Full PDB file with SEQRES, HELIX, SHEET, SSBOND, CRYST1, ORIGX, SCALE, CONECT and MASTER records, all heavy atoms in Angstrom:
SEQRES   1 A   33  GLY ALA SER HIS CYS PHE ASN PHE TRP SER ARG MET PRO          
SEQRES   2 A   33  SER LEU ALA GLU GLN LEU GLU ARG VAL GLY SER LEU ALA          
SEQRES   3 A   33  SER SER PRO ARG ILE VAL VAL                                  
HELIX    1 AA1 LEU A   15  VAL A   22  1                                   8    
CRYST1    1.000    1.000    1.000  90.00  90.00  90.00 P 1           1          
ORIGX1      1.000000  0.000000  0.000000        0.00000                         
ORIGX2      0.000000  1.000000  0.000000        0.00000                         
ORIGX3      0.000000  0.000000  1.000000        0.00000                         
SCALE1      1.000000  0.000000  0.000000        0.00000                         
SCALE2      0.000000  1.000000  0.000000        0.00000                         
SCALE3      0.000000  0.000000  1.000000        0.00000                         
ATOM      1  N   GLY A   1      13.015 -17.271 -67.172  1.00  0.00           N  
ATOM      2  CA  GLY A   1      12.622 -17.497 -68.568  1.00  0.00           C  
ATOM      3  C   GLY A   1      13.263 -18.712 -69.116  1.00  0.00           C  
ATOM      4  O   GLY A   1      13.228 -18.893 -70.405  1.00  0.00           O  
ATOM      5  N   ALA A   2      13.693 -19.684 -68.302  1.00  0.00           N  
ATOM      6  CA  ALA A   2      14.202 -20.983 -68.827  1.00  0.00           C  
ATOM      7  C   ALA A   2      13.142 -22.009 -68.679  1.00  0.00           C  
ATOM      8  O   ALA A   2      12.125 -21.786 -68.058  1.00  0.00           O  
ATOM      9  CB  ALA A   2      15.529 -21.262 -68.086  1.00  0.00           C  
ATOM     10  N   SER A   3      13.416 -23.140 -69.175  1.00  0.00           N  
ATOM     11  CA  SER A   3      12.447 -24.205 -69.055  1.00  0.00           C  
ATOM     12  C   SER A   3      13.186 -25.550 -68.762  1.00  0.00           C  
ATOM     13  O   SER A   3      14.323 -25.744 -69.024  1.00  0.00           O  
ATOM     14  CB  SER A   3      11.632 -24.411 -70.414  1.00  0.00           C  
ATOM     15  OG  SER A   3      12.526 -24.658 -71.494  1.00  0.00           O  
ATOM     16  N   HIS A   4      12.401 -26.498 -68.176  1.00  0.00           N  
ATOM     17  CA  HIS A   4      12.839 -27.809 -67.861  1.00  0.00           C  
ATOM     18  C   HIS A   4      12.919 -28.660 -69.069  1.00  0.00           C  
ATOM     19  O   HIS A   4      11.894 -28.608 -69.801  1.00  0.00           O  
ATOM     20  CB  HIS A   4      12.044 -28.488 -66.697  1.00  0.00           C  
ATOM     21  CG  HIS A   4      12.344 -29.893 -66.570  1.00  0.00           C  
ATOM     22  ND1 HIS A   4      13.419 -30.297 -65.873  1.00  0.00           N  
ATOM     23  CD2 HIS A   4      11.555 -31.059 -66.882  1.00  0.00           C  
ATOM     24  CE1 HIS A   4      13.547 -31.636 -65.903  1.00  0.00           C  
ATOM     25  NE2 HIS A   4      12.475 -32.067 -66.398  1.00  0.00           N  
ATOM     26  N   CYS A   5      13.992 -29.308 -69.347  1.00  0.00           N  
ATOM     27  CA  CYS A   5      14.056 -30.170 -70.550  1.00  0.00           C  
ATOM     28  C   CYS A   5      13.515 -31.534 -70.207  1.00  0.00           C  
ATOM     29  O   CYS A   5      14.153 -32.222 -69.256  1.00  0.00           O  
ATOM     30  CB  CYS A   5      15.491 -30.290 -71.054  1.00  0.00           C  
ATOM     31  SG  CYS A   5      15.649 -31.450 -72.408  1.00  0.00           S  
ATOM     32  N   PHE A   6      12.395 -31.906 -70.704  1.00  0.00           N  
ATOM     33  CA  PHE A   6      11.826 -33.286 -70.326  1.00  0.00           C  
ATOM     34  C   PHE A   6      12.666 -34.230 -70.954  1.00  0.00           C  
ATOM     35  O   PHE A   6      12.950 -34.301 -72.246  1.00  0.00           O  
ATOM     36  CB  PHE A   6      10.418 -33.281 -70.920  1.00  0.00           C  
ATOM     37  CG  PHE A   6       9.440 -32.470 -70.255  1.00  0.00           C  
ATOM     38  CD1 PHE A   6       9.214 -31.159 -70.587  1.00  0.00           C  
ATOM     39  CD2 PHE A   6       8.754 -32.938 -69.063  1.00  0.00           C  
ATOM     40  CE1 PHE A   6       8.330 -30.322 -69.909  1.00  0.00           C  
ATOM     41  CE2 PHE A   6       7.850 -32.129 -68.447  1.00  0.00           C  
ATOM     42  CZ  PHE A   6       7.592 -30.853 -68.832  1.00  0.00           C  
ATOM     43  N   ASN A   7      13.122 -35.325 -70.242  1.00  0.00           N  
ATOM     44  CA  ASN A   7      14.082 -36.258 -70.821  1.00  0.00           C  
ATOM     45  C   ASN A   7      13.643 -37.681 -70.498  1.00  0.00           C  
ATOM     46  O   ASN A   7      13.390 -37.954 -69.301  1.00  0.00           O  
ATOM     47  CB  ASN A   7      15.564 -35.966 -70.403  1.00  0.00           C  
ATOM     48  CG  ASN A   7      15.766 -35.989 -68.846  1.00  0.00           C  
ATOM     49  OD1 ASN A   7      14.723 -35.814 -68.196  1.00  0.00           O  
ATOM     50  ND2 ASN A   7      16.948 -36.072 -68.415  1.00  0.00           N  
ATOM     51  N   PHE A   8      13.657 -38.547 -71.422  1.00  0.00           N  
ATOM     52  CA  PHE A   8      13.382 -39.911 -71.245  1.00  0.00           C  
ATOM     53  C   PHE A   8      14.776 -40.522 -71.024  1.00  0.00           C  
ATOM     54  O   PHE A   8      15.522 -40.809 -71.956  1.00  0.00           O  
ATOM     55  CB  PHE A   8      12.875 -40.564 -72.562  1.00  0.00           C  
ATOM     56  CG  PHE A   8      12.498 -41.944 -72.518  1.00  0.00           C  
ATOM     57  CD1 PHE A   8      11.516 -42.472 -71.685  1.00  0.00           C  
ATOM     58  CD2 PHE A   8      13.120 -42.890 -73.390  1.00  0.00           C  
ATOM     59  CE1 PHE A   8      11.180 -43.875 -71.636  1.00  0.00           C  
ATOM     60  CE2 PHE A   8      12.843 -44.273 -73.304  1.00  0.00           C  
ATOM     61  CZ  PHE A   8      11.887 -44.733 -72.455  1.00  0.00           C  
ATOM     62  N   TRP A   9      15.177 -40.724 -69.809  1.00  0.00           N  
ATOM     63  CA  TRP A   9      16.445 -41.065 -69.447  1.00  0.00           C  
ATOM     64  C   TRP A   9      16.524 -42.147 -68.344  1.00  0.00           C  
ATOM     65  O   TRP A   9      15.543 -42.099 -67.429  1.00  0.00           O  
ATOM     66  CB  TRP A   9      17.236 -39.869 -68.902  1.00  0.00           C  
ATOM     67  CG  TRP A   9      18.703 -40.133 -68.456  1.00  0.00           C  
ATOM     68  CD1 TRP A   9      19.113 -40.096 -67.146  1.00  0.00           C  
ATOM     69  CD2 TRP A   9      19.873 -40.394 -69.205  1.00  0.00           C  
ATOM     70  NE1 TRP A   9      20.391 -40.418 -67.077  1.00  0.00           N  
ATOM     71  CE2 TRP A   9      20.913 -40.670 -68.362  1.00  0.00           C  
ATOM     72  CE3 TRP A   9      20.052 -40.596 -70.561  1.00  0.00           C  
ATOM     73  CZ2 TRP A   9      22.216 -41.000 -68.786  1.00  0.00           C  
ATOM     74  CZ3 TRP A   9      21.248 -40.989 -71.031  1.00  0.00           C  
ATOM     75  CH2 TRP A   9      22.393 -41.191 -70.145  1.00  0.00           C  
ATOM     76  N   SER A  10      17.431 -43.026 -68.411  1.00  0.00           N  
ATOM     77  CA  SER A  10      17.332 -44.289 -67.530  1.00  0.00           C  
ATOM     78  C   SER A  10      17.259 -44.035 -66.118  1.00  0.00           C  
ATOM     79  O   SER A  10      16.516 -44.857 -65.413  1.00  0.00           O  
ATOM     80  CB  SER A  10      18.559 -45.090 -67.832  1.00  0.00           C  
ATOM     81  OG  SER A  10      19.758 -44.400 -67.521  1.00  0.00           O  
ATOM     82  N   ARG A  11      17.738 -42.949 -65.553  1.00  0.00           N  
ATOM     83  CA  ARG A  11      17.666 -42.744 -64.066  1.00  0.00           C  
ATOM     84  C   ARG A  11      16.877 -41.550 -63.629  1.00  0.00           C  
ATOM     85  O   ARG A  11      17.014 -41.026 -62.623  1.00  0.00           O  
ATOM     86  CB  ARG A  11      19.025 -42.703 -63.497  1.00  0.00           C  
ATOM     87  CG  ARG A  11      19.852 -44.011 -63.592  1.00  0.00           C  
ATOM     88  CD  ARG A  11      21.233 -43.963 -62.994  1.00  0.00           C  
ATOM     89  NE  ARG A  11      22.077 -42.948 -63.597  1.00  0.00           N  
ATOM     90  CZ  ARG A  11      22.768 -43.240 -64.801  1.00  0.00           C  
ATOM     91  NH1 ARG A  11      22.685 -44.417 -65.363  1.00  0.00           N  
ATOM     92  NH2 ARG A  11      23.546 -42.241 -65.267  1.00  0.00           N  
ATOM     93  N   MET A  12      15.973 -41.019 -64.607  1.00  0.00           N  
ATOM     94  CA  MET A  12      15.117 -39.927 -64.232  1.00  0.00           C  
ATOM     95  C   MET A  12      13.673 -40.469 -64.152  1.00  0.00           C  
ATOM     96  O   MET A  12      13.330 -41.469 -64.721  1.00  0.00           O  
ATOM     97  CB  MET A  12      15.250 -38.839 -65.304  1.00  0.00           C  
ATOM     98  CG  MET A  12      16.408 -37.941 -65.156  1.00  0.00           C  
ATOM     99  SD  MET A  12      16.375 -36.878 -63.724  1.00  0.00           S  
ATOM    100  CE  MET A  12      15.136 -35.723 -64.197  1.00  0.00           C  
ATOM    101  N   PRO A  13      12.787 -39.664 -63.499  1.00  0.00           N  
ATOM    102  CA  PRO A  13      11.459 -40.101 -63.464  1.00  0.00           C  
ATOM    103  C   PRO A  13      10.861 -40.133 -64.867  1.00  0.00           C  
ATOM    104  O   PRO A  13      11.424 -39.501 -65.879  1.00  0.00           O  
ATOM    105  CB  PRO A  13      10.796 -38.958 -62.666  1.00  0.00           C  
ATOM    106  CG  PRO A  13      11.837 -38.326 -61.892  1.00  0.00           C  
ATOM    107  CD  PRO A  13      13.079 -38.415 -62.768  1.00  0.00           C  
ATOM    108  N   SER A  14       9.778 -40.836 -65.106  1.00  0.00           N  
ATOM    109  CA  SER A  14       9.100 -40.941 -66.422  1.00  0.00           C  
ATOM    110  C   SER A  14       8.722 -39.553 -66.872  1.00  0.00           C  
ATOM    111  O   SER A  14       8.575 -38.582 -66.055  1.00  0.00           O  
ATOM    112  CB  SER A  14       7.917 -41.833 -66.425  1.00  0.00           C  
ATOM    113  OG  SER A  14       6.842 -41.228 -65.601  1.00  0.00           O  
ATOM    114  N   LEU A  15       8.567 -39.406 -68.183  1.00  0.00           N  
ATOM    115  CA  LEU A  15       8.031 -38.121 -68.752  1.00  0.00           C  
ATOM    116  C   LEU A  15       6.720 -37.704 -68.141  1.00  0.00           C  
ATOM    117  O   LEU A  15       6.575 -36.557 -67.929  1.00  0.00           O  
ATOM    118  CB  LEU A  15       7.943 -38.245 -70.351  1.00  0.00           C  
ATOM    119  CG  LEU A  15       9.149 -38.457 -71.160  1.00  0.00           C  
ATOM    120  CD1 LEU A  15       8.871 -38.787 -72.518  1.00  0.00           C  
ATOM    121  CD2 LEU A  15      10.027 -37.221 -71.027  1.00  0.00           C  
ATOM    122  N   ALA A  16       5.804 -38.679 -67.950  1.00  0.00           N  
ATOM    123  CA  ALA A  16       4.541 -38.360 -67.287  1.00  0.00           C  
ATOM    124  C   ALA A  16       4.744 -37.849 -65.908  1.00  0.00           C  
ATOM    125  O   ALA A  16       4.057 -36.759 -65.533  1.00  0.00           O  
ATOM    126  CB  ALA A  16       3.662 -39.647 -67.263  1.00  0.00           C  
ATOM    127  N   GLU A  17       5.663 -38.387 -65.160  1.00  0.00           N  
ATOM    128  CA  GLU A  17       5.875 -37.851 -63.752  1.00  0.00           C  
ATOM    129  C   GLU A  17       6.538 -36.490 -63.909  1.00  0.00           C  
ATOM    130  O   GLU A  17       6.294 -35.550 -63.047  1.00  0.00           O  
ATOM    131  CB  GLU A  17       6.802 -38.776 -62.933  1.00  0.00           C  
ATOM    132  CG  GLU A  17       6.944 -38.417 -61.575  1.00  0.00           C  
ATOM    133  CD  GLU A  17       7.854 -39.312 -60.699  1.00  0.00           C  
ATOM    134  OE1 GLU A  17       7.992 -40.506 -61.128  1.00  0.00           O  
ATOM    135  OE2 GLU A  17       8.354 -38.941 -59.692  1.00  0.00           O  
ATOM    136  N   GLN A  18       7.437 -36.270 -64.799  1.00  0.00           N  
ATOM    137  CA  GLN A  18       8.035 -34.971 -64.872  1.00  0.00           C  
ATOM    138  C   GLN A  18       7.019 -33.935 -65.234  1.00  0.00           C  
ATOM    139  O   GLN A  18       7.077 -32.841 -64.645  1.00  0.00           O  
ATOM    140  CB  GLN A  18       9.164 -35.022 -65.958  1.00  0.00           C  
ATOM    141  CG  GLN A  18      10.447 -35.821 -65.621  1.00  0.00           C  
ATOM    142  CD  GLN A  18      11.501 -35.810 -66.698  1.00  0.00           C  
ATOM    143  OE1 GLN A  18      11.832 -34.749 -67.242  1.00  0.00           O  
ATOM    144  NE2 GLN A  18      11.870 -37.050 -66.973  1.00  0.00           N  
ATOM    145  N   LEU A  19       6.121 -34.248 -66.149  1.00  0.00           N  
ATOM    146  CA  LEU A  19       5.064 -33.260 -66.510  1.00  0.00           C  
ATOM    147  C   LEU A  19       4.261 -32.969 -65.252  1.00  0.00           C  
ATOM    148  O   LEU A  19       3.855 -31.855 -65.133  1.00  0.00           O  
ATOM    149  CB  LEU A  19       4.197 -33.845 -67.569  1.00  0.00           C  
ATOM    150  CG  LEU A  19       3.104 -33.028 -68.167  1.00  0.00           C  
ATOM    151  CD1 LEU A  19       3.598 -31.723 -68.679  1.00  0.00           C  
ATOM    152  CD2 LEU A  19       2.268 -33.753 -69.183  1.00  0.00           C  
ATOM    153  N   GLU A  20       3.902 -33.980 -64.559  1.00  0.00           N  
ATOM    154  CA  GLU A  20       3.119 -33.732 -63.334  1.00  0.00           C  
ATOM    155  C   GLU A  20       3.790 -32.868 -62.294  1.00  0.00           C  
ATOM    156  O   GLU A  20       3.156 -31.971 -61.675  1.00  0.00           O  
ATOM    157  CB  GLU A  20       2.732 -35.091 -62.681  1.00  0.00           C  
ATOM    158  CG  GLU A  20       1.865 -34.951 -61.461  1.00  0.00           C  
ATOM    159  CD  GLU A  20       1.544 -36.308 -60.807  1.00  0.00           C  
ATOM    160  OE1 GLU A  20       1.975 -37.288 -61.348  1.00  0.00           O  
ATOM    161  OE2 GLU A  20       0.808 -36.315 -59.774  1.00  0.00           O  
ATOM    162  N   ARG A  21       5.063 -33.100 -62.122  1.00  0.00           N  
ATOM    163  CA  ARG A  21       5.812 -32.286 -61.148  1.00  0.00           C  
ATOM    164  C   ARG A  21       6.153 -30.830 -61.626  1.00  0.00           C  
ATOM    165  O   ARG A  21       6.072 -29.985 -60.783  1.00  0.00           O  
ATOM    166  CB  ARG A  21       7.220 -33.022 -60.860  1.00  0.00           C  
ATOM    167  CG  ARG A  21       6.905 -34.296 -59.991  1.00  0.00           C  
ATOM    168  CD  ARG A  21       8.091 -35.192 -59.890  1.00  0.00           C  
ATOM    169  NE  ARG A  21       9.153 -34.537 -59.021  1.00  0.00           N  
ATOM    170  CZ  ARG A  21      10.278 -35.035 -58.615  1.00  0.00           C  
ATOM    171  NH1 ARG A  21      10.563 -36.311 -58.992  1.00  0.00           N  
ATOM    172  NH2 ARG A  21      11.169 -34.394 -57.888  1.00  0.00           N  
ATOM    173  N   VAL A  22       6.314 -30.667 -62.932  1.00  0.00           N  
ATOM    174  CA  VAL A  22       6.380 -29.323 -63.431  1.00  0.00           C  
ATOM    175  C   VAL A  22       5.165 -28.544 -63.313  1.00  0.00           C  
ATOM    176  O   VAL A  22       5.183 -27.340 -63.024  1.00  0.00           O  
ATOM    177  CB  VAL A  22       6.923 -29.319 -64.939  1.00  0.00           C  
ATOM    178  CG1 VAL A  22       6.814 -27.993 -65.595  1.00  0.00           C  
ATOM    179  CG2 VAL A  22       8.386 -29.925 -65.053  1.00  0.00           C  
ATOM    180  N   GLY A  23       4.049 -29.230 -63.428  1.00  0.00           N  
ATOM    181  CA  GLY A  23       2.802 -28.511 -63.290  1.00  0.00           C  
ATOM    182  C   GLY A  23       2.517 -27.575 -64.496  1.00  0.00           C  
ATOM    183  O   GLY A  23       2.667 -27.984 -65.604  1.00  0.00           O  
ATOM    184  N   SER A  24       2.084 -26.401 -64.186  1.00  0.00           N  
ATOM    185  CA  SER A  24       1.696 -25.395 -65.300  1.00  0.00           C  
ATOM    186  C   SER A  24       2.976 -25.138 -66.221  1.00  0.00           C  
ATOM    187  O   SER A  24       3.960 -24.900 -65.750  1.00  0.00           O  
ATOM    188  CB  SER A  24       1.197 -24.175 -64.736  1.00  0.00           C  
ATOM    189  OG  SER A  24       0.997 -23.205 -65.753  1.00  0.00           O  
ATOM    190  N   LEU A  25       2.737 -25.187 -67.471  1.00  0.00           N  
ATOM    191  CA  LEU A  25       3.793 -24.758 -68.485  1.00  0.00           C  
ATOM    192  C   LEU A  25       3.545 -23.312 -69.015  1.00  0.00           C  
ATOM    193  O   LEU A  25       4.343 -22.931 -69.906  1.00  0.00           O  
ATOM    194  CB  LEU A  25       3.712 -25.758 -69.654  1.00  0.00           C  
ATOM    195  CG  LEU A  25       3.953 -27.248 -69.377  1.00  0.00           C  
ATOM    196  CD1 LEU A  25       3.779 -28.138 -70.652  1.00  0.00           C  
ATOM    197  CD2 LEU A  25       5.342 -27.480 -68.752  1.00  0.00           C  
ATOM    198  N   ALA A  26       2.604 -22.718 -68.501  1.00  0.00           N  
ATOM    199  CA  ALA A  26       2.229 -21.408 -69.018  1.00  0.00           C  
ATOM    200  C   ALA A  26       3.415 -20.391 -69.045  1.00  0.00           C  
ATOM    201  O   ALA A  26       3.479 -19.525 -69.920  1.00  0.00           O  
ATOM    202  CB  ALA A  26       1.170 -20.795 -68.084  1.00  0.00           C  
ATOM    203  N   SER A  27       4.360 -20.550 -68.182  1.00  0.00           N  
ATOM    204  CA  SER A  27       5.458 -19.493 -68.144  1.00  0.00           C  
ATOM    205  C   SER A  27       6.651 -20.030 -69.072  1.00  0.00           C  
ATOM    206  O   SER A  27       7.675 -19.348 -69.136  1.00  0.00           O  
ATOM    207  CB  SER A  27       5.987 -19.315 -66.703  1.00  0.00           C  
ATOM    208  OG  SER A  27       6.558 -20.532 -66.177  1.00  0.00           O  
ATOM    209  N   SER A  28       6.593 -21.205 -69.713  1.00  0.00           N  
ATOM    210  CA  SER A  28       7.627 -21.753 -70.471  1.00  0.00           C  
ATOM    211  C   SER A  28       7.609 -21.121 -71.911  1.00  0.00           C  
ATOM    212  O   SER A  28       6.636 -21.248 -72.616  1.00  0.00           O  
ATOM    213  CB  SER A  28       7.559 -23.210 -70.535  1.00  0.00           C  
ATOM    214  OG  SER A  28       7.615 -23.863 -69.370  1.00  0.00           O  
ATOM    215  N   PRO A  29       8.701 -20.402 -72.312  1.00  0.00           N  
ATOM    216  CA  PRO A  29       8.699 -19.855 -73.607  1.00  0.00           C  
ATOM    217  C   PRO A  29       8.865 -20.824 -74.718  1.00  0.00           C  
ATOM    218  O   PRO A  29       8.557 -20.732 -75.904  1.00  0.00           O  
ATOM    219  CB  PRO A  29       9.947 -18.994 -73.624  1.00  0.00           C  
ATOM    220  CG  PRO A  29      10.757 -19.410 -72.546  1.00  0.00           C  
ATOM    221  CD  PRO A  29       9.886 -20.028 -71.566  1.00  0.00           C  
ATOM    222  N   ARG A  30       9.435 -22.063 -74.379  1.00  0.00           N  
ATOM    223  CA  ARG A  30       9.659 -23.187 -75.333  1.00  0.00           C  
ATOM    224  C   ARG A  30       9.798 -24.495 -74.447  1.00  0.00           C  
ATOM    225  O   ARG A  30      10.086 -24.400 -73.260  1.00  0.00           O  
ATOM    226  CB  ARG A  30      10.979 -23.065 -76.092  1.00  0.00           C  
ATOM    227  CG  ARG A  30      12.232 -23.224 -75.319  1.00  0.00           C  
ATOM    228  CD  ARG A  30      13.400 -22.459 -75.925  1.00  0.00           C  
ATOM    229  NE  ARG A  30      13.151 -21.024 -76.121  1.00  0.00           N  
ATOM    230  CZ  ARG A  30      13.246 -20.176 -75.054  1.00  0.00           C  
ATOM    231  NH1 ARG A  30      13.465 -20.606 -73.830  1.00  0.00           N  
ATOM    232  NH2 ARG A  30      13.044 -18.912 -75.283  1.00  0.00           N  
ATOM    233  N   ILE A  31       9.552 -25.573 -75.054  1.00  0.00           N  
ATOM    234  CA  ILE A  31       9.664 -26.806 -74.380  1.00  0.00           C  
ATOM    235  C   ILE A  31      10.585 -27.789 -75.146  1.00  0.00           C  
ATOM    236  O   ILE A  31      10.315 -27.844 -76.428  1.00  0.00           O  
ATOM    237  CB  ILE A  31       8.368 -27.554 -74.113  1.00  0.00           C  
ATOM    238  CG1 ILE A  31       7.548 -26.783 -73.012  1.00  0.00           C  
ATOM    239  CG2 ILE A  31       8.605 -28.984 -73.638  1.00  0.00           C  
ATOM    240  CD1 ILE A  31       8.262 -26.800 -71.721  1.00  0.00           C  
ATOM    241  N   VAL A  32      11.565 -28.382 -74.631  1.00  0.00           N  
ATOM    242  CA  VAL A  32      12.439 -29.334 -75.219  1.00  0.00           C  
ATOM    243  C   VAL A  32      12.162 -30.767 -74.679  1.00  0.00           C  
ATOM    244  O   VAL A  32      12.252 -30.798 -73.435  1.00  0.00           O  
ATOM    245  CB  VAL A  32      13.864 -28.940 -75.197  1.00  0.00           C  
ATOM    246  CG1 VAL A  32      14.714 -30.068 -75.893  1.00  0.00           C  
ATOM    247  CG2 VAL A  32      14.179 -27.646 -75.849  1.00  0.00           C  
ATOM    248  N   VAL A  33      11.965 -31.744 -75.538  1.00  0.00           N  
ATOM    249  CA  VAL A  33      11.748 -33.116 -75.004  1.00  0.00           C  
ATOM    250  C   VAL A  33      12.824 -33.978 -75.667  1.00  0.00           C  
ATOM    251  O   VAL A  33      12.958 -34.041 -76.949  1.00  0.00           O  
ATOM    252  CB  VAL A  33      10.390 -33.767 -75.437  1.00  0.00           C  
ATOM    253  CG1 VAL A  33      10.299 -35.117 -74.822  1.00  0.00           C  
ATOM    254  CG2 VAL A  33       9.308 -32.849 -74.860  1.00  0.00           C  
TER     255      VAL A  33                                                      
MASTER        0    0    0    1    0    0    0    6  254    1    0    3          
END                                                                             
């Protein structure tokens, strides 16, 4: 029941790539960006 925190951070993949890799968000109770 936890979620991945999407982060615009210098050494992480782009937000778009993170969204693609996470895939479905249906099980996420909340999203933090």
